[in-house]
Amino acid sequence: MYRGTRPARRTCSWPRMLLLALFRAVALLPLPLLHAVGRVAGLFTYAWPGRYRQRLRANAAQAGYADAAFARRAAAETGAMILEMPKVWFRSAESLAKTTSDEFHVVEAALAEGRGILFLTPHLGCFEIIARYAAVARRTPVTVMFRPPRIEALAPLLATARNTSGLKAVPATMQGVREFVRALRRGETVGLLPDQAPGEGEGVWAPFFGRMAYTMTLPGKLAAQTKVAVVVVAGERLPHGRGWRVHFARVPEPLPDDPQARAALFNASMEILIRRFPHQYLWSYNRYKTPRNAPPIPPMAASTPPDTPASHD
């Protein structure tokens, strides 16, 4: 993930300006309308036979959600996730006014220990609202890591969206990792998406919903090096466009010394959070792919069956 990135494809400036104007215009639409249109678009995409639908259903079934109705709802929520992004990016104050949390005491307890905080945010609900909410609630900067887009036209759009007041975005490179370490040692907060499939040499095999998944080791390395608190966090999308509810859960300490054991612990912590509102997880992501030159997949260790899935309501 952080060894380097592919160069973006170059485009002329007017498409970038047009794209930015389009996203700003979409952001002006009411959130209930964006969610409704997004869900319809998500259902239409799911209805088209192909790899997207197959992967969504297979990954959801792996976690115990094999019902076709669940898959359709998950596809609808993916559409809502995509269309809410411009609202969060370019109408942040309006979005934050619709964001609440009953669990911010988890963050306050970690802050009271005088340490930095590493937020692990899976592709669950509205993950774009998390850092903004934390920055406002803490009144301190939050640094997030991202992968630069392959299409250059998206770069200025995402730079404008992700580098706002109280929010600093760094690339998924060694430079970005160094900035993460410096921020954590200053007692600040950083955040990343830990359920992305890492590249060669950047992960270990660890269980994720009962199947071995190549899992990034960066979160464990950061936590071990800086001795910070690790918190899994997600922004639940509320019905009828009412906004979002942010969930925080502390990862138990002490963390294991073994990288694979740490990755397994982080995956298990994410699983618990995902099961709170599983239909909002991005099940279509190719989470179980095998990177080039990755070590052989080890067998799953004997374990108890996964918990019974929670209600979908």
Protein backbone atom coordinates (compact mmCIF):
# COMPACT_ATOMS: atom_id res chain seq x y z
CA MET A 1 0.00 0.00 0.00
CA TYR A 2 2.69 2.49 0.94
CA ARG A 3 5.58 1.52 -1.33
CA GLY A 4 4.28 3.60 -4.16
CA THR A 5 1.32 4.21 -6.40
CA ARG A 6 0.61 3.99 -10.08
CA PRO A 7 0.88 7.28 -11.94
CA ALA A 8 -2.45 8.91 -12.67
CA ARG A 9 -3.61 9.16 -16.26
CA ARG A 10 -3.29 12.74 -17.44
CA THR A 11 -6.25 14.69 -18.70
CA CYS A 12 -6.75 18.31 -19.75
CA SER A 13 -7.95 20.91 -17.22
CA TRP A 14 -11.52 21.55 -18.42
CA PRO A 15 -12.82 18.06 -17.53
CA ARG A 16 -11.43 18.55 -14.01
CA MET A 17 -13.23 21.87 -13.68
CA LEU A 18 -16.44 20.38 -15.05
CA LEU A 19 -16.23 17.43 -12.68
CA LEU A 20 -15.65 19.69 -9.69
CA ALA A 21 -18.62 21.86 -10.68
CA LEU A 22 -20.80 18.77 -11.08
CA PHE A 23 -19.93 17.45 -7.62
CA ARG A 24 -20.56 20.85 -6.06
CA ALA A 25 -23.95 20.98 -7.75
CA VAL A 26 -24.85 17.49 -6.50
CA ALA A 27 -23.85 18.56 -2.99
CA LEU A 28 -26.61 21.20 -3.03
CA LEU A 29 -29.34 18.56 -3.32
CA PRO A 30 -31.16 17.46 -0.15
CA LEU A 31 -29.64 14.44 1.57
CA PRO A 32 -32.90 12.42 1.52
CA LEU A 33 -33.04 12.85 -2.27
CA LEU A 34 -29.40 11.85 -2.70
CA HIS A 35 -29.91 8.71 -0.63
CA ALA A 36 -33.11 7.81 -2.47
CA VAL A 37 -31.58 8.26 -5.93
CA GLY A 38 -28.42 6.45 -4.83
CA ARG A 39 -30.37 3.45 -3.57
CA VAL A 40 -32.31 3.18 -6.83
CA ALA A 41 -29.07 3.40 -8.81
CA GLY A 42 -27.53 0.76 -6.54
CA LEU A 43 -30.42 -1.62 -7.19
CA PHE A 44 -30.17 -1.10 -10.95
CA THR A 45 -26.44 -1.85 -10.83
CA TYR A 46 -27.07 -4.99 -8.79
CA ALA A 47 -29.75 -6.17 -11.23
CA TRP A 48 -27.18 -6.33 -14.03
CA PRO A 49 -25.59 -9.82 -14.02
CA GLY A 50 -21.84 -9.80 -13.62
CA ARG A 51 -18.86 -9.87 -11.29
CA TYR A 52 -20.16 -7.07 -9.05
CA ARG A 53 -23.30 -8.96 -8.06
CA GLN A 54 -21.46 -12.27 -7.75
CA ARG A 55 -18.81 -10.84 -5.46
CA LEU A 56 -21.31 -8.95 -3.30
CA ARG A 57 -23.41 -12.05 -2.75
CA ALA A 58 -20.42 -14.32 -2.18
CA ASN A 59 -18.77 -12.02 0.37
CA ALA A 60 -22.03 -11.38 2.22
CA ALA A 61 -22.78 -15.11 2.31
CA GLN A 62 -19.29 -15.75 3.67
CA ALA A 63 -20.24 -13.59 6.66
CA GLY A 64 -23.56 -15.37 7.13
CA TYR A 65 -25.80 -13.06 5.11
CA ALA A 66 -26.85 -15.31 2.24
CA ASP A 67 -30.36 -13.98 1.78
CA ALA A 68 -31.01 -12.33 -1.62
CA ALA A 69 -32.99 -9.56 0.05
CA PHE A 70 -29.95 -8.68 2.16
CA ALA A 71 -27.76 -8.48 -0.96
CA ARG A 72 -30.21 -6.14 -2.67
CA ARG A 73 -30.34 -3.90 0.39
CA ALA A 74 -26.55 -3.86 0.59
CA ALA A 75 -26.36 -2.85 -3.08
CA ALA A 76 -28.85 -0.06 -2.46
CA GLU A 77 -26.78 1.23 0.47
CA THR A 78 -23.68 1.24 -1.72
CA GLY A 79 -25.49 3.58 -4.10
CA ALA A 80 -26.48 5.81 -1.18
CA MET A 81 -22.87 5.85 0.00
CA ILE A 82 -21.62 7.07 -3.38
CA LEU A 83 -24.16 9.86 -3.77
CA GLU A 84 -23.74 11.17 -0.23
CA MET A 85 -20.02 11.77 -0.73
CA PRO A 86 -20.36 15.15 -2.53
CA LYS A 87 -22.61 16.36 0.29
CA VAL A 88 -20.03 15.39 2.93
CA TRP A 89 -17.14 16.80 0.91
CA PHE A 90 -18.54 20.17 -0.12
CA ARG A 91 -21.29 20.82 2.44
CA SER A 92 -19.38 19.70 5.51
CA ALA A 93 -21.03 22.05 8.00
CA GLU A 94 -24.47 20.96 6.84
CA SER A 95 -23.45 17.31 7.04
CA LEU A 96 -21.89 17.61 10.49
CA ALA A 97 -25.08 19.23 11.76
CA LYS A 98 -26.77 15.91 10.91
CA THR A 99 -24.09 13.78 12.64
CA THR A 100 -24.34 12.51 16.20
CA SER A 101 -22.70 9.93 18.45
CA ASP A 102 -23.61 8.22 21.71
CA GLU A 103 -20.14 6.73 22.08
CA PHE A 104 -17.71 9.65 21.96
CA HIS A 105 -16.84 8.81 25.56
CA VAL A 106 -14.63 6.07 24.06
CA VAL A 107 -12.51 8.76 22.41
CA GLU A 108 -12.51 10.96 25.50
CA ALA A 109 -11.26 8.07 27.64
CA ALA A 110 -8.40 7.45 25.19
CA LEU A 111 -7.52 11.16 25.17
CA ALA A 112 -7.41 11.19 28.95
CA GLU A 113 -4.52 8.73 28.75
CA GLY A 114 -2.43 11.37 26.99
CA ARG A 115 -1.86 9.29 23.89
CA GLY A 116 -2.61 9.70 20.22
CA ILE A 117 -5.45 7.76 18.61
CA LEU A 118 -5.39 5.52 15.55
CA PHE A 119 -8.85 5.32 13.99
CA LEU A 120 -9.51 2.19 11.93
CA THR A 121 -12.46 2.89 9.65
CA PRO A 122 -13.77 -0.02 7.56
CA HIS A 123 -15.77 0.52 4.37
CA LEU A 124 -18.92 0.72 6.46
CA GLY A 125 -21.63 3.35 6.26
CA CYS A 126 -20.36 6.86 5.56
CA PHE A 127 -16.64 6.57 6.22
CA GLU A 128 -16.02 10.05 4.78
CA ILE A 129 -17.83 11.74 7.70
CA ILE A 130 -15.64 10.16 10.41
CA ALA A 131 -12.52 12.33 10.29
CA ARG A 132 -14.57 15.51 9.91
CA TYR A 133 -16.68 14.64 12.91
CA ALA A 134 -13.64 13.74 15.02
CA ALA A 135 -11.84 16.95 14.06
CA VAL A 136 -14.81 19.08 15.11
CA ALA A 137 -15.52 17.11 18.28
CA ARG A 138 -11.85 17.11 19.37
CA ARG A 139 -11.09 20.58 18.06
CA THR A 140 -7.74 19.23 16.92
CA PRO A 141 -6.40 18.18 13.49
CA VAL A 142 -7.06 14.71 12.11
CA THR A 143 -4.73 13.19 9.51
CA VAL A 144 -6.10 10.59 7.10
CA MET A 145 -4.38 8.39 4.54
CA PHE A 146 -5.63 7.87 1.00
CA ARG A 147 -4.56 6.24 -2.22
CA PRO A 148 -4.09 8.81 -5.00
CA PRO A 149 -6.61 8.17 -7.80
CA ARG A 150 -5.45 6.54 -11.00
CA ILE A 151 -7.37 9.10 -13.07
CA GLU A 152 -5.75 12.51 -12.73
CA ALA A 153 -9.07 14.35 -13.19
CA LEU A 154 -10.13 13.10 -9.76
CA ALA A 155 -6.97 14.29 -7.97
CA PRO A 156 -7.90 18.00 -7.57
CA LEU A 157 -11.46 17.02 -6.68
CA LEU A 158 -10.31 14.74 -3.85
CA ALA A 159 -7.63 17.21 -2.75
CA THR A 160 -10.27 19.91 -2.39
CA ALA A 161 -12.63 17.54 -0.62
CA ARG A 162 -10.19 15.95 1.82
CA ASN A 163 -7.96 18.87 2.79
CA THR A 164 -10.35 21.05 4.73
CA SER A 165 -10.23 22.86 8.04
CA GLY A 166 -9.07 20.41 10.70
CA LEU A 167 -8.52 17.63 8.18
CA LYS A 168 -5.24 16.74 6.47
CA ALA A 169 -4.93 14.04 3.84
CA VAL A 170 -1.62 12.29 3.17
CA PRO A 171 -0.86 9.78 0.39
CA ALA A 172 -0.42 6.07 0.99
CA THR A 173 3.35 6.29 0.55
CA MET A 174 6.34 6.20 2.88
CA GLN A 175 6.04 9.98 3.16
CA GLY A 176 2.45 9.57 4.34
CA VAL A 177 3.48 6.92 6.87
CA ARG A 178 6.14 9.24 8.30
CA GLU A 179 3.56 12.01 8.66
CA PHE A 180 1.28 9.55 10.44
CA VAL A 181 4.01 8.67 12.93
CA ARG A 182 4.82 12.33 13.60
CA ALA A 183 1.14 13.15 14.18
CA LEU A 184 0.67 10.23 16.56
CA ARG A 185 3.76 11.16 18.55
CA ARG A 186 2.30 14.66 18.94
CA GLY A 187 -0.73 13.06 20.54
CA GLU A 188 -2.97 13.72 17.53
CA THR A 189 -5.47 11.50 15.73
CA VAL A 190 -4.95 9.67 12.44
CA GLY A 191 -7.26 7.43 10.46
CA LEU A 192 -7.10 4.88 7.68
CA LEU A 193 -9.20 2.21 5.97
CA PRO A 194 -7.75 -1.08 7.27
CA ASP A 195 -9.89 -3.45 5.19
CA GLN A 196 -8.23 -2.59 1.89
CA ALA A 197 -6.22 -5.41 0.35
CA PRO A 198 -2.53 -4.50 0.74
CA GLY A 199 0.15 -4.97 -1.84
CA GLU A 200 3.03 -7.42 -1.94
CA GLY A 201 4.99 -7.56 1.31
CA GLU A 202 2.61 -5.21 3.12
CA GLY A 203 0.26 -7.70 4.72
CA VAL A 204 -0.27 -11.02 6.44
CA TRP A 205 -3.00 -13.63 6.19
CA ALA A 206 -5.63 -13.26 8.93
CA PRO A 207 -9.24 -14.42 9.35
CA PHE A 208 -12.01 -12.11 8.23
CA PHE A 209 -15.56 -13.43 8.53
CA GLY A 210 -14.38 -17.02 8.58
CA ARG A 211 -12.03 -16.85 5.61
CA MET A 212 -8.36 -15.95 5.36
CA ALA A 213 -7.86 -12.45 3.94
CA TYR A 214 -4.59 -10.73 3.13
CA THR A 215 -4.61 -7.97 5.74
CA MET A 216 -2.43 -4.87 5.98
CA THR A 217 0.18 -4.77 8.73
CA LEU A 218 0.50 -0.97 8.77
CA PRO A 219 -2.03 -0.36 11.58
CA GLY A 220 -0.27 -2.83 13.85
CA LYS A 221 3.14 -1.34 13.08
CA LEU A 222 1.90 2.17 13.81
CA ALA A 223 0.31 1.11 17.08
CA ALA A 224 3.38 -0.83 18.20
CA GLN A 225 5.78 1.98 17.29
CA THR A 226 3.84 4.87 18.85
CA LYS A 227 1.94 3.09 21.68
CA VAL A 228 -1.31 4.84 20.79
CA ALA A 229 -4.89 3.83 21.47
CA VAL A 230 -6.61 2.00 18.59
CA VAL A 231 -10.30 2.67 17.98
CA VAL A 232 -12.52 1.16 15.28
CA VAL A 233 -15.10 3.67 14.08
CA ALA A 234 -17.91 3.85 11.52
CA GLY A 235 -20.64 6.28 10.51
CA GLU A 236 -24.04 4.59 10.35
CA ARG A 237 -26.36 6.02 7.69
CA LEU A 238 -29.68 6.89 9.31
CA PRO A 239 -33.00 6.28 7.51
CA HIS A 240 -34.93 8.95 5.61
CA GLY A 241 -31.83 11.10 5.09
CA ARG A 242 -31.66 12.12 8.74
CA GLY A 243 -27.85 11.97 8.71
CA TRP A 244 -25.35 9.71 10.42
CA ARG A 245 -24.59 8.18 13.82
CA VAL A 246 -20.91 7.60 14.57
CA HIS A 247 -19.92 4.43 16.45
CA PHE A 248 -16.65 4.08 18.37
CA ALA A 249 -15.20 0.89 19.87
CA ARG A 250 -11.82 0.54 21.58
CA VAL A 251 -9.59 -2.33 20.48
CA PRO A 252 -8.61 -4.33 23.59
CA GLU A 253 -5.09 -3.95 24.97
CA PRO A 254 -2.37 -5.01 25.31
CA LEU A 255 -1.98 -5.61 21.60
CA PRO A 256 -0.24 -8.85 20.54
CA ASP A 257 3.41 -8.64 19.56
CA ASP A 258 2.94 -10.94 16.56
CA PRO A 259 1.90 -9.06 13.36
CA GLN A 260 -0.50 -11.80 12.30
CA ALA A 261 -2.16 -11.86 15.71
CA ARG A 262 -2.54 -8.06 15.62
CA ALA A 263 -4.10 -8.22 12.16
CA ALA A 264 -6.50 -10.92 13.35
CA LEU A 265 -7.48 -8.80 16.35
CA PHE A 266 -8.16 -5.75 14.19
CA ASN A 267 -10.21 -7.85 11.75
CA ALA A 268 -12.24 -9.31 14.61
CA SER A 269 -12.88 -5.82 16.01
CA MET A 270 -14.09 -4.68 12.59
CA GLU A 271 -16.37 -7.71 12.29
CA ILE A 272 -18.13 -6.80 15.56
CA LEU A 273 -18.71 -3.25 14.32
CA ILE A 274 -19.86 -4.36 10.87
CA ARG A 275 -22.45 -6.69 12.38
CA ARG A 276 -24.16 -3.70 14.02
CA PHE A 277 -25.48 -2.59 10.61
CA PRO A 278 -24.12 -5.13 8.10
CA HIS A 279 -26.21 -4.01 5.11
CA GLN A 280 -24.09 -0.82 5.01
CA TYR A 281 -20.80 -2.65 4.52
CA LEU A 282 -19.16 -2.59 1.07
CA TRP A 283 -19.51 -6.33 0.43
CA SER A 284 -18.70 -5.87 -3.26
CA TYR A 285 -15.08 -4.99 -2.50
CA ASN A 286 -12.61 -7.69 -3.56
CA ARG A 287 -11.48 -8.28 0.02
CA TYR A 288 -10.24 -11.84 -0.50
CA LYS A 289 -8.00 -11.32 -3.50
CA THR A 290 -4.47 -12.73 -3.44
CA PRO A 291 -1.80 -10.13 -4.30
CA ARG A 292 0.99 -11.05 -6.64
CA ASN A 293 3.81 -12.92 -4.87
CA ALA A 294 1.86 -13.10 -1.62
CA PRO A 295 2.78 -16.03 0.65
CA PRO A 296 0.61 -19.16 0.41
CA ILE A 297 -2.75 -18.95 2.15
CA PRO A 298 -2.49 -20.78 5.49
CA PRO A 299 -5.33 -22.97 6.71
CA MET A 300 -7.93 -21.46 9.00
CA ALA A 301 -7.29 -22.22 12.65
CA ALA A 302 -10.00 -24.20 14.42
CA SER A 303 -12.51 -21.84 15.95
CA THR A 304 -16.08 -21.57 17.06
CA PRO A 305 -18.70 -20.76 14.42
CA PRO A 306 -19.30 -17.05 13.77
CA ASP A 307 -21.97 -15.32 15.78
CA THR A 308 -25.51 -15.39 14.49
CA PRO A 309 -25.98 -12.32 12.28
CA ALA A 310 -27.82 -9.48 13.93
CA SER A 311 -31.14 -8.20 12.68
CA HIS A 312 -31.02 -6.34 9.38
CA ASP A 313 -33.39 -3.69 10.62
